[in-house]
C-alpha atoms as a PDB file:
ATOM      1  CA  MET A   1      -4.857 -15.275  34.715  1.00  0.00           C
ATOM      2  CA  TRP A   2      -2.861 -14.448  31.569  1.00  0.00           C
ATOM      3  CA  GLU A   3      -0.325 -12.450  33.535  1.00  0.00           C
ATOM      4  CA  GLU A   4       0.870 -15.649  35.150  1.00  0.00           C
ATOM      5  CA  SER A   5       3.930 -17.106  33.449  1.00  0.00           C
ATOM      6  CA  ILE A   6       2.830 -20.159  31.463  1.00  0.00           C
ATOM      7  CA  SER A   7       5.456 -22.898  31.623  1.00  0.00           C
ATOM      8  CA  ARG A   8       6.157 -25.198  28.708  1.00  0.00           C
ATOM      9  CA  ARG A   9       4.714 -28.170  30.562  1.00  0.00           C
ATOM     10  CA  LYS A  10       1.535 -26.266  31.420  1.00  0.00           C
ATOM     11  CA  LEU A  11       1.160 -25.324  27.774  1.00  0.00           C
ATOM     12  CA  ILE A  12       1.107 -28.970  26.708  1.00  0.00           C
ATOM     13  CA  LYS A  13      -1.602 -29.731  29.255  1.00  0.00           C
ATOM     14  CA  LEU A  14      -3.666 -26.780  28.078  1.00  0.00           C
ATOM     15  CA  LEU A  15      -3.562 -28.008  24.493  1.00  0.00           C
ATOM     16  CA  GLY A  16      -5.845 -30.901  25.328  1.00  0.00           C
ATOM     17  CA  ALA A  17      -6.222 -34.265  26.975  1.00  0.00           C
ATOM     18  CA  GLY A  18      -4.728 -35.970  23.937  1.00  0.00           C
ATOM     19  CA  GLY A  19      -1.336 -34.600  24.927  1.00  0.00           C
ATOM     20  CA  LEU A  20       1.709 -35.343  22.791  1.00  0.00           C
ATOM     21  CA  GLY A  21       0.031 -38.232  21.035  1.00  0.00           C
ATOM     22  CA  MET A  22      -2.631 -35.900  19.669  1.00  0.00           C
ATOM     23  CA  LEU A  23      -0.047 -33.365  18.579  1.00  0.00           C
ATOM     24  CA  ALA A  24       1.804 -35.907  16.476  1.00  0.00           C
ATOM     25  CA  GLU A  25      -0.853 -35.167  13.855  1.00  0.00           C
ATOM     26  CA  PRO A  26      -1.319 -31.798  12.091  1.00  0.00           C
ATOM     27  CA  PHE A  27      -3.444 -29.396  14.095  1.00  0.00           C
ATOM     28  CA  THR A  28      -5.023 -25.956  13.968  1.00  0.00           C
ATOM     29  CA  PHE A  29      -3.491 -23.291  16.199  1.00  0.00           C
ATOM     30  CA  MET A  30      -6.234 -21.222  17.810  1.00  0.00           C
ATOM     31  CA  THR A  31      -6.180 -18.229  20.104  1.00  0.00           C
ATOM     32  CA  LYS A  32      -8.813 -15.689  20.980  1.00  0.00           C
ATOM     33  CA  GLY A  33     -10.034 -14.300  17.661  1.00  0.00           C
ATOM     34  CA  TYR A  34      -7.288 -15.968  15.611  1.00  0.00           C
ATOM     35  CA  GLN A  35      -7.014 -19.269  13.777  1.00  0.00           C
ATOM     36  CA  GLN A  36      -4.115 -20.627  11.731  1.00  0.00           C
ATOM     37  CA  ASP A  37      -4.093 -24.033  10.053  1.00  0.00           C
ATOM     38  CA  SER A  38      -0.410 -24.213   9.147  1.00  0.00           C
ATOM     39  CA  MET A  39       2.899 -22.802  10.274  1.00  0.00           C
ATOM     40  CA  ARG A  40       3.942 -19.437   8.932  1.00  0.00           C
ATOM     41  CA  LYS A  41       6.375 -19.679   6.015  1.00  0.00           C
ATOM     42  CA  ARG A  42       8.937 -17.360   4.448  1.00  0.00           C
ATOM     43  CA  VAL A  43      10.515 -17.358   1.015  1.00  0.00           C
ATOM     44  CA  ILE A  44      14.090 -18.350   0.183  1.00  0.00           C
ATOM     45  CA  PRO A  45      14.975 -15.334  -1.999  1.00  0.00           C
ATOM     46  CA  SER A  46      17.249 -17.160  -4.426  1.00  0.00           C
ATOM     47  CA  SER A  47      14.574 -19.674  -5.446  1.00  0.00           C
ATOM     48  CA  GLY A  48      11.140 -18.582  -4.269  1.00  0.00           C
ATOM     49  CA  GLU A  49      10.749 -21.816  -2.269  1.00  0.00           C
ATOM     50  CA  GLU A  50       8.981 -21.367   1.061  1.00  0.00           C
ATOM     51  CA  LEU A  51      10.239 -22.665   4.408  1.00  0.00           C
ATOM     52  CA  PRO A  52       8.394 -22.926   7.744  1.00  0.00           C
ATOM     53  CA  VAL A  53       9.806 -20.326  10.126  1.00  0.00           C
ATOM     54  CA  VAL A  54      10.688 -22.638  13.045  1.00  0.00           C
ATOM     55  CA  GLY A  55      13.108 -25.521  12.650  1.00  0.00           C
ATOM     56  CA  LEU A  56      15.347 -27.669  14.840  1.00  0.00           C
ATOM     57  CA  GLY A  57      18.982 -27.505  15.859  1.00  0.00           C
ATOM     58  CA  THR A  58      20.817 -30.714  16.785  1.00  0.00           C
ATOM     59  CA  TRP A  59      23.944 -29.589  18.622  1.00  0.00           C
ATOM     60  CA  ILE A  60      24.418 -31.640  21.844  1.00  0.00           C
ATOM     61  CA  GLN A  61      20.798 -32.883  21.952  1.00  0.00           C
ATOM     62  CA  PHE A  62      21.123 -35.332  19.047  1.00  0.00           C
ATOM     63  CA  ASP A  63      24.659 -36.471  19.872  1.00  0.00           C
ATOM     64  CA  VAL A  64      23.521 -39.705  21.515  1.00  0.00           C
ATOM     65  CA  GLY A  65      24.181 -43.428  21.355  1.00  0.00           C
ATOM     66  CA  GLU A  66      21.938 -46.252  20.176  1.00  0.00           C
ATOM     67  CA  SER A  67      20.059 -47.017  23.380  1.00  0.00           C
ATOM     68  CA  GLU A  68      16.282 -46.721  23.421  1.00  0.00           C
ATOM     69  CA  SER A  69      16.381 -44.434  26.457  1.00  0.00           C
ATOM     70  CA  GLU A  70      18.529 -41.964  24.536  1.00  0.00           C
ATOM     71  CA  ARG A  71      16.683 -42.130  21.228  1.00  0.00           C
ATOM     72  CA  ALA A  72      13.034 -42.404  22.268  1.00  0.00           C
ATOM     73  CA  PRO A  73      12.652 -38.676  23.102  1.00  0.00           C
ATOM     74  CA  LEU A  74      14.341 -37.714  19.830  1.00  0.00           C
ATOM     75  CA  ARG A  75      12.020 -39.981  17.869  1.00  0.00           C
ATOM     76  CA  LYS A  76       9.060 -38.223  19.469  1.00  0.00           C
ATOM     77  CA  VAL A  77      10.589 -34.803  18.771  1.00  0.00           C
ATOM     78  CA  LEU A  78      10.898 -35.589  15.065  1.00  0.00           C
ATOM     79  CA  LYS A  79       7.358 -36.975  14.820  1.00  0.00           C
ATOM     80  CA  LEU A  80       5.933 -33.929  16.550  1.00  0.00           C
ATOM     81  CA  MET A  81       7.952 -31.606  14.359  1.00  0.00           C
ATOM     82  CA  ALA A  82       6.652 -33.249  11.196  1.00  0.00           C
ATOM     83  CA  GLY A  83       3.094 -33.165  12.522  1.00  0.00           C
ATOM     84  CA  GLN A  84       3.261 -29.447  13.254  1.00  0.00           C
ATOM     85  CA  GLY A  85       4.770 -28.423   9.946  1.00  0.00           C
ATOM     86  CA  GLY A  86       8.405 -27.861  10.895  1.00  0.00           C
ATOM     87  CA  GLU A  87      10.925 -28.804   8.222  1.00  0.00           C
ATOM     88  CA  VAL A  88      14.440 -27.414   8.748  1.00  0.00           C
ATOM     89  CA  ILE A  89      16.835 -29.707  10.623  1.00  0.00           C
ATOM     90  CA  ASP A  90      20.293 -28.198  11.077  1.00  0.00           C
ATOM     91  CA  SER A  91      23.316 -30.345  11.906  1.00  0.00           C
ATOM     92  CA  SER A  92      27.089 -30.559  11.428  1.00  0.00           C
ATOM     93  CA  PRO A  93      30.011 -33.004  11.563  1.00  0.00           C
ATOM     94  CA  MET A  94      31.037 -30.986  14.622  1.00  0.00           C
ATOM     95  CA  TYR A  95      27.961 -32.272  16.460  1.00  0.00           C
ATOM     96  CA  GLY A  96      29.237 -35.787  17.138  1.00  0.00           C
ATOM     97  CA  ASN A  97      26.671 -38.443  16.176  1.00  0.00           C
ATOM     98  CA  SER A  98      23.919 -35.946  15.355  1.00  0.00           C
ATOM     99  CA  GLU A  99      23.938 -36.358  11.575  1.00  0.00           C
ATOM    100  CA  GLU A 100      23.809 -40.130  11.841  1.00  0.00           C
ATOM    101  CA  VAL A 101      21.058 -40.048  14.478  1.00  0.00           C
ATOM    102  CA  VAL A 102      18.955 -37.697  12.339  1.00  0.00           C
ATOM    103  CA  GLY A 103      19.367 -39.896   9.285  1.00  0.00           C
ATOM    104  CA  ASP A 104      18.639 -43.097  11.169  1.00  0.00           C
ATOM    105  CA  LEU A 105      15.554 -41.872  13.035  1.00  0.00           C
ATOM    106  CA  THR A 106      13.892 -40.020  10.175  1.00  0.00           C
ATOM    107  CA  THR A 107      14.369 -43.036   7.914  1.00  0.00           C
ATOM    108  CA  LYS A 108      13.026 -45.571  10.411  1.00  0.00           C
ATOM    109  CA  LEU A 109      10.053 -43.327  11.181  1.00  0.00           C
ATOM    110  CA  GLY A 110       9.197 -43.179   7.477  1.00  0.00           C
ATOM    111  CA  ILE A 111       9.183 -39.368   7.467  1.00  0.00           C
ATOM    112  CA  ALA A 112      12.599 -38.675   5.961  1.00  0.00           C
ATOM    113  CA  ASP A 113      11.242 -36.837   2.938  1.00  0.00           C
ATOM    114  CA  GLN A 114       9.233 -34.386   5.056  1.00  0.00           C
ATOM    115  CA  PHE A 115      12.283 -32.398   6.148  1.00  0.00           C
ATOM    116  CA  PHE A 116      14.712 -29.810   4.801  1.00  0.00           C
ATOM    117  CA  TYR A 117      18.229 -31.038   5.685  1.00  0.00           C
ATOM    118  CA  ALA A 118      20.929 -28.503   6.470  1.00  0.00           C
ATOM    119  CA  THR A 119      24.415 -29.532   7.505  1.00  0.00           C
ATOM    120  CA  LYS A 120      27.926 -28.148   7.236  1.00  0.00           C
ATOM    121  CA  VAL A 121      31.506 -28.636   6.151  1.00  0.00           C
ATOM    122  CA  TRP A 122      33.911 -28.125   9.043  1.00  0.00           C
ATOM    123  CA  THR A 123      37.465 -28.872   8.002  1.00  0.00           C
ATOM    124  CA  ARG A 124      40.363 -27.438   6.018  1.00  0.00           C
ATOM    125  CA  GLY A 125      41.393 -28.312   2.499  1.00  0.00           C
ATOM    126  CA  HIS A 126      39.614 -29.106  -0.753  1.00  0.00           C
ATOM    127  CA  ARG A 127      39.786 -32.921  -0.600  1.00  0.00           C
ATOM    128  CA  SER A 128      39.115 -33.051   3.134  1.00  0.00           C
ATOM    129  CA  GLY A 129      36.003 -30.952   2.586  1.00  0.00           C
ATOM    130  CA  ILE A 130      34.714 -33.254  -0.130  1.00  0.00           C
ATOM    131  CA  ASN A 131      35.339 -36.341   1.989  1.00  0.00           C
ATOM    132  CA  GLN A 132      33.545 -34.819   4.956  1.00  0.00           C
ATOM    133  CA  MET A 133      30.512 -33.721   2.941  1.00  0.00           C
ATOM    134  CA  GLU A 134      30.203 -37.130   1.311  1.00  0.00           C
ATOM    135  CA  ALA A 135      30.299 -38.690   4.775  1.00  0.00           C
ATOM    136  CA  SER A 136      27.550 -36.306   5.934  1.00  0.00           C
ATOM    137  CA  MET A 137      25.338 -37.359   3.043  1.00  0.00           C
ATOM    138  CA  ARG A 138      25.787 -41.011   3.948  1.00  0.00           C
ATOM    139  CA  LYS A 139      25.101 -40.378   7.629  1.00  0.00           C
ATOM    140  CA  MET A 140      21.961 -38.369   6.943  1.00  0.00           C
ATOM    141  CA  ARG A 141      20.925 -40.905   4.291  1.00  0.00           C
ATOM    142  CA  ARG A 142      20.391 -38.264   1.638  1.00  0.00           C
ATOM    143  CA  GLU A 143      21.290 -38.399  -2.030  1.00  0.00           C
ATOM    144  CA  THR A 144      20.953 -34.612  -2.083  1.00  0.00           C
ATOM    145  CA  ILE A 145      21.507 -32.225   0.818  1.00  0.00           C
ATOM    146  CA  ASP A 146      19.127 -29.279   0.842  1.00  0.00           C
ATOM    147  CA  LEU A 147      21.608 -26.841   2.363  1.00  0.00           C
ATOM    148  CA  MET A 148      25.353 -27.238   2.794  1.00  0.00           C
ATOM    149  CA  GLN A 149      27.006 -24.525   4.875  1.00  0.00           C
ATOM    150  CA  VAL A 150      30.602 -23.597   5.658  1.00  0.00           C
ATOM    151  CA  HIS A 151      30.706 -24.023   9.431  1.00  0.00           C
ATOM    152  CA  ASN A 152      32.098 -21.040  11.336  1.00  0.00           C
ATOM    153  CA  LEU A 153      33.783 -19.825   8.124  1.00  0.00           C
ATOM    154  CA  VAL A 154      36.522 -22.474   8.393  1.00  0.00           C
ATOM    155  CA  ASP A 155      38.465 -22.346   5.082  1.00  0.00           C
ATOM    156  CA  TRP A 156      35.357 -20.739   3.598  1.00  0.00           C
ATOM    157  CA  ASP A 157      36.896 -19.570   0.309  1.00  0.00           C
ATOM    158  CA  THR A 158      38.112 -23.082  -0.528  1.00  0.00           C
ATOM    159  CA  HIS A 159      34.781 -24.692   0.311  1.00  0.00           C
ATOM    160  CA  LEU A 160      32.619 -22.131  -1.479  1.00  0.00           C
ATOM    161  CA  GLU A 161      34.257 -23.111  -4.761  1.00  0.00           C
ATOM    162  CA  THR A 162      33.410 -26.757  -4.115  1.00  0.00           C
ATOM    163  CA  LEU A 163      29.866 -25.904  -3.064  1.00  0.00           C
ATOM    164  CA  GLN A 164      29.243 -23.899  -6.223  1.00  0.00           C
ATOM    165  CA  GLU A 165      30.311 -26.912  -8.284  1.00  0.00           C
ATOM    166  CA  TRP A 166      28.213 -29.313  -6.206  1.00  0.00           C
ATOM    167  CA  LYS A 167      25.197 -27.071  -6.661  1.00  0.00           C
ATOM    168  CA  LYS A 168      25.632 -27.231 -10.442  1.00  0.00           C
ATOM    169  CA  GLN A 169      25.837 -31.023 -10.152  1.00  0.00           C
ATOM    170  CA  GLU A 170      22.669 -31.008  -7.980  1.00  0.00           C
ATOM    171  CA  LYS A 171      24.401 -32.726  -5.063  1.00  0.00           C
ATOM    172  CA  ILE A 172      23.211 -29.829  -2.934  1.00  0.00           C
ATOM    173  CA  ARG A 173      20.348 -27.393  -3.455  1.00  0.00           C
ATOM    174  CA  TYR A 174      21.573 -24.351  -1.533  1.00  0.00           C
ATOM    175  CA  ILE A 175      24.870 -22.869  -0.324  1.00  0.00           C
ATOM    176  CA  GLY A 176      25.422 -21.126   3.001  1.00  0.00           C
ATOM    177  CA  ILE A 177      27.900 -19.791   5.541  1.00  0.00           C
ATOM    178  CA  THR A 178      27.605 -19.789   9.342  1.00  0.00           C
ATOM    179  CA  HIS A 179      28.978 -18.436  12.586  1.00  0.00           C
ATOM    180  CA  TYR A 180      27.781 -18.024  16.156  1.00  0.00           C
ATOM    181  CA  THR A 181      29.652 -14.968  17.488  1.00  0.00           C
ATOM    182  CA  VAL A 182      29.044 -11.239  17.246  1.00  0.00           C
ATOM    183  CA  SER A 183      32.689 -10.731  16.254  1.00  0.00           C
ATOM    184  CA  SER A 184      32.023 -12.649  13.022  1.00  0.00           C
ATOM    185  CA  HIS A 185      29.182 -10.424  11.819  1.00  0.00           C
ATOM    186  CA  ASP A 186      31.324  -7.994   9.827  1.00  0.00           C
ATOM    187  CA  ARG A 187      33.010 -10.852   7.991  1.00  0.00           C
ATOM    188  CA  LEU A 188      29.666 -12.487   7.232  1.00  0.00           C
ATOM    189  CA  GLU A 189      28.421  -9.228   5.752  1.00  0.00           C
ATOM    190  CA  GLN A 190      31.474  -8.927   3.533  1.00  0.00           C
ATOM    191  CA  ILE A 191      31.022 -12.446   2.164  1.00  0.00           C
ATOM    192  CA  ILE A 192      27.315 -11.865   1.575  1.00  0.00           C
ATOM    193  CA  GLU A 193      28.097  -8.780  -0.475  1.00  0.00           C
ATOM    194  CA  GLU A 194      30.951 -10.302  -2.476  1.00  0.00           C
ATOM    195  CA  HIS A 195      29.837 -13.892  -3.112  1.00  0.00           C
ATOM    196  CA  ASN A 196      26.812 -15.666  -4.512  1.00  0.00           C
ATOM    197  CA  ILE A 197      25.315 -17.583  -1.585  1.00  0.00           C
ATOM    198  CA  ASP A 198      21.769 -18.604  -0.708  1.00  0.00           C
ATOM    199  CA  PHE A 199      21.836 -18.691   3.110  1.00  0.00           C
ATOM    200  CA  VAL A 200      23.618 -17.143   6.048  1.00  0.00           C
ATOM    201  CA  GLN A 201      23.318 -18.465   9.609  1.00  0.00           C
ATOM    202  CA  PHE A 202      24.277 -16.468  12.694  1.00  0.00           C
ATOM    203  CA  ASN A 203      23.439 -15.707  16.336  1.00  0.00           C
ATOM    204  CA  TYR A 204      20.604 -13.347  17.227  1.00  0.00           C
ATOM    205  CA  SER A 205      18.362 -13.042  20.266  1.00  0.00           C
ATOM    206  CA  ILE A 206      16.352 -10.508  22.219  1.00  0.00           C
ATOM    207  CA  GLN A 207      19.425 -10.066  24.419  1.00  0.00           C
ATOM    208  CA  THR A 208      22.133 -10.090  21.715  1.00  0.00           C
ATOM    209  CA  ARG A 209      20.821  -7.775  19.010  1.00  0.00           C
ATOM    210  CA  ASN A 210      24.012  -6.816  17.195  1.00  0.00           C
ATOM    211  CA  ALA A 211      22.653  -8.348  13.965  1.00  0.00           C
ATOM    212  CA  GLU A 212      20.063  -5.560  13.901  1.00  0.00           C
ATOM    213  CA  GLN A 213      22.810  -2.999  13.328  1.00  0.00           C
ATOM    214  CA  SER A 214      23.396  -4.015   9.712  1.00  0.00           C
ATOM    215  CA  LEU A 215      23.806  -7.774   9.169  1.00  0.00           C
ATOM    216  CA  LEU A 216      20.092  -8.541   8.876  1.00  0.00           C
ATOM    217  CA  ASP A 217      19.607  -5.626   6.493  1.00  0.00           C
ATOM    218  CA  THR A 218      22.603  -6.699   4.406  1.00  0.00           C
ATOM    219  CA  ALA A 219      21.203 -10.214   4.054  1.00  0.00           C
ATOM    220  CA  HIS A 220      17.802  -8.819   3.068  1.00  0.00           C
ATOM    221  CA  LYS A 221      19.293  -6.374   0.556  1.00  0.00           C
ATOM    222  CA  ASN A 222      21.356  -9.116  -1.087  1.00  0.00           C
ATOM    223  CA  GLU A 223      18.431 -11.566  -1.123  1.00  0.00           C
ATOM    224  CA  VAL A 224      20.075 -14.092   1.182  1.00  0.00           C
ATOM    225  CA  ALA A 225      17.934 -16.305   3.419  1.00  0.00           C
ATOM    226  CA  VAL A 226      18.669 -16.131   7.153  1.00  0.00           C
ATOM    227  CA  LEU A 227      18.838 -18.949   9.714  1.00  0.00           C
ATOM    228  CA  ILE A 228      19.158 -17.927  13.361  1.00  0.00           C
ATOM    229  CA  ASN A 229      21.117 -19.894  15.947  1.00  0.00           C
ATOM    230  CA  GLN A 230      21.505 -19.223  19.704  1.00  0.00           C
ATOM    231  CA  PRO A 231      17.926 -17.847  20.048  1.00  0.00           C
ATOM    232  CA  TYR A 232      17.897 -18.743  23.755  1.00  0.00           C
ATOM    233  CA  GLU A 233      21.570 -17.889  24.403  1.00  0.00           C
ATOM    234  CA  GLY A 234      22.296 -21.518  25.222  1.00  0.00           C
ATOM    235  CA  GLY A 235      19.313 -21.556  27.585  1.00  0.00           C
ATOM    236  CA  SER A 236      20.545 -18.668  29.731  1.00  0.00           C
ATOM    237  CA  LEU A 237      17.541 -16.495  28.813  1.00  0.00           C
ATOM    238  CA  PHE A 238      15.277 -18.853  30.722  1.00  0.00           C
ATOM    239  CA  GLY A 239      17.375 -18.280  33.828  1.00  0.00           C
ATOM    240  CA  ILE A 240      16.710 -14.558  33.546  1.00  0.00           C
ATOM    241  CA  VAL A 241      12.932 -14.983  33.327  1.00  0.00           C
ATOM    242  CA  GLN A 242      12.601 -17.824  35.817  1.00  0.00           C
ATOM    243  CA  ASP A 243       9.543 -17.200  38.028  1.00  0.00           C
ATOM    244  CA  LYS A 244       8.867 -13.952  36.156  1.00  0.00           C
ATOM    245  CA  LYS A 245       5.426 -13.116  34.780  1.00  0.00           C
ATOM    246  CA  LEU A 246       4.528 -12.687  31.146  1.00  0.00           C
ATOM    247  CA  PRO A 247       2.877  -9.294  30.652  1.00  0.00           C
ATOM    248  CA  ASN A 248      -0.821  -9.143  29.730  1.00  0.00           C
ATOM    249  CA  TRP A 249      -0.146  -7.566  26.349  1.00  0.00           C
ATOM    250  CA  VAL A 250       1.668 -10.608  24.914  1.00  0.00           C
ATOM    251  CA  GLN A 251      -1.751 -12.065  24.109  1.00  0.00           C
ATOM    252  CA  ASP A 252      -1.820  -9.549  21.242  1.00  0.00           C
ATOM    253  CA  TYR A 253       0.929 -11.638  19.630  1.00  0.00           C
ATOM    254  CA  ASP A 254      -0.399 -15.102  20.558  1.00  0.00           C
ATOM    255  CA  ILE A 255       2.532 -15.700  22.902  1.00  0.00           C
ATOM    256  CA  ASN A 256       1.924 -18.535  25.359  1.00  0.00           C
ATOM    257  CA  SER A 257       5.332 -18.915  27.039  1.00  0.00           C
ATOM    258  CA  TRP A 258       8.692 -17.274  27.503  1.00  0.00           C
ATOM    259  CA  GLY A 259      10.119 -19.529  24.807  1.00  0.00           C
ATOM    260  CA  GLN A 260       7.625 -18.142  22.314  1.00  0.00           C
ATOM    261  CA  TYR A 261       8.326 -14.619  23.572  1.00  0.00           C
ATOM    262  CA  PHE A 262      11.989 -15.040  22.622  1.00  0.00           C
ATOM    263  CA  LEU A 263      11.322 -16.769  19.298  1.00  0.00           C
ATOM    264  CA  LYS A 264       8.575 -14.410  18.153  1.00  0.00           C
ATOM    265  CA  TYR A 265      10.817 -11.428  18.788  1.00  0.00           C
ATOM    266  CA  ILE A 266      13.320 -12.937  16.344  1.00  0.00           C
ATOM    267  CA  LEU A 267      10.704 -13.991  13.801  1.00  0.00           C
ATOM    268  CA  SER A 268       9.132 -10.545  13.796  1.00  0.00           C
ATOM    269  CA  HIS A 269      12.191  -9.246  11.933  1.00  0.00           C
ATOM    270  CA  PRO A 270      11.286  -9.558   8.231  1.00  0.00           C
ATOM    271  CA  ALA A 271      14.804 -10.608   7.195  1.00  0.00           C
ATOM    272  CA  VAL A 272      14.678 -13.789   9.307  1.00  0.00           C
ATOM    273  CA  THR A 273      13.731 -16.881   7.318  1.00  0.00           C
ATOM    274  CA  CYS A 274      13.862 -19.544  10.034  1.00  0.00           C
ATOM    275  CA  VAL A 275      14.987 -19.903  13.635  1.00  0.00           C
ATOM    276  CA  ILE A 276      16.521 -23.223  14.724  1.00  0.00           C
ATOM    277  CA  PRO A 277      16.316 -23.762  18.502  1.00  0.00           C
ATOM    278  CA  GLY A 278      17.773 -27.074  19.615  1.00  0.00           C
ATOM    279  CA  THR A 279      15.904 -29.463  21.878  1.00  0.00           C
ATOM    280  CA  SER A 280      15.565 -33.130  22.781  1.00  0.00           C
ATOM    281  CA  ASP A 281      12.430 -32.519  24.853  1.00  0.00           C
ATOM    282  CA  PRO A 282       9.120 -33.228  23.060  1.00  0.00           C
ATOM    283  CA  GLU A 283       7.260 -30.682  25.172  1.00  0.00           C
ATOM    284  CA  HIS A 284       9.786 -27.981  24.385  1.00  0.00           C
ATOM    285  CA  LEU A 285       9.530 -28.905  20.720  1.00  0.00           C
ATOM    286  CA  VAL A 286       5.775 -28.309  20.798  1.00  0.00           C
ATOM    287  CA  ASP A 287       6.316 -24.944  22.448  1.00  0.00           C
ATOM    288  CA  ASN A 288       8.985 -23.943  19.932  1.00  0.00           C
ATOM    289  CA  MET A 289       6.840 -24.894  16.955  1.00  0.00           C
ATOM    290  CA  GLY A 290       3.997 -22.841  18.420  1.00  0.00           C
ATOM    291  CA  ALA A 291       6.028 -19.697  17.797  1.00  0.00           C
ATOM    292  CA  GLY A 292       5.473 -20.272  14.086  1.00  0.00           C
ATOM    293  CA  TYR A 293       1.735 -19.819  14.550  1.00  0.00           C
ATOM    294  CA  GLY A 294      -0.323 -16.749  15.358  1.00  0.00           C
ATOM    295  CA  ARG A 295       0.411 -13.057  15.195  1.00  0.00           C
ATOM    296  CA  LEU A 296       3.822 -11.412  15.360  1.00  0.00           C
ATOM    297  CA  PRO A 297       4.737  -8.088  16.979  1.00  0.00           C
ATOM    298  CA  ASP A 298       5.126  -4.977  14.855  1.00  0.00           C
ATOM    299  CA  ARG A 299       7.941  -2.440  15.298  1.00  0.00           C
ATOM    300  CA  MET A 300       6.411  -0.886  18.394  1.00  0.00           C
ATOM    301  CA  GLY A 301       5.656  -4.325  19.801  1.00  0.00           C
ATOM    302  CA  ARG A 302       9.299  -5.335  19.344  1.00  0.00           C
ATOM    303  CA  GLN A 303      10.425  -2.258  21.253  1.00  0.00           C
ATOM    304  CA  LYS A 304       7.981  -3.033  24.037  1.00  0.00           C
ATOM    305  CA  MET A 305       9.284  -6.619  24.251  1.00  0.00           C
ATOM    306  CA  VAL A 306      12.889  -5.465  24.584  1.00  0.00           C
ATOM    307  CA  LYS A 307      12.016  -2.860  27.202  1.00  0.00           C
ATOM    308  CA  TYR A 308      10.083  -5.335  29.309  1.00  0.00           C
ATOM    309  CA  PHE A 309      12.825  -7.963  29.093  1.00  0.00           C
ATOM    310  CA  GLU A 310      15.563  -5.493  30.032  1.00  0.00           C
ATOM    311  CA  GLN A 311      13.642  -4.456  33.130  1.00  0.00           C
ATOM    312  CA  LEU A 312      13.492  -7.977  34.548  1.00  0.00           C
END
């Protein structure tokens, strides 16, 4: 029955006997009365380039050593992501070995050029920022970084000057700023309105909806692309819905799991360009990517989703 909560592992089994090996290749997402051959995309306003709406975060999950046991799941995650049309990989020097692991694995897999690489500068001072960004480029094995962001607004005014110059020199393609707390939203809005940036990244979820007050609208009005972090509240949302049933009406939005419920709520806001849930689990990756396929809720559907979640 649809009303039964479909776990991520059950979803993989339902997708066919070929399992993860089959899903390493591009596939067609099909639900009752709906077919979609490729992941939904949204435009980067400053350029017109399109990005797939579901990407990958690397905090904690990609901060691993060189052992095969640590890297094998990540290798599979990246192959599956490429096969299902995901592109955005978001990292940072703050994330330990993540940049280096991303660069190493994507290169050895021969799929390095299939991704959109976003990383960050997370230090103080002009020269320190340059040194750190150059190190990130080496670690990720990129001659050009697609998106360089000022992490958590650390010394943001100093770094934005450098990023503007690097963009002119074509060392980077896009400029962004990031944070992960509600208390930073007002400051992010101010920078969006006063400075020429391409991307803003911040926290937003079905539980933490402060960005709906004005930040999302400000980004849209100023033609700034939006990346969303903390879509699962660090995984705590799954604790809330554990053993809870998905309602029958989620089939109207091609939602197959609680993970997709949370992601599709975010993606149904027109100002959101891409959501970047982190994972090192291939099955969770498949589930996350699935949120980029199928129908999205409208305004009334969004309200219904919030109401149902808050009643759990």
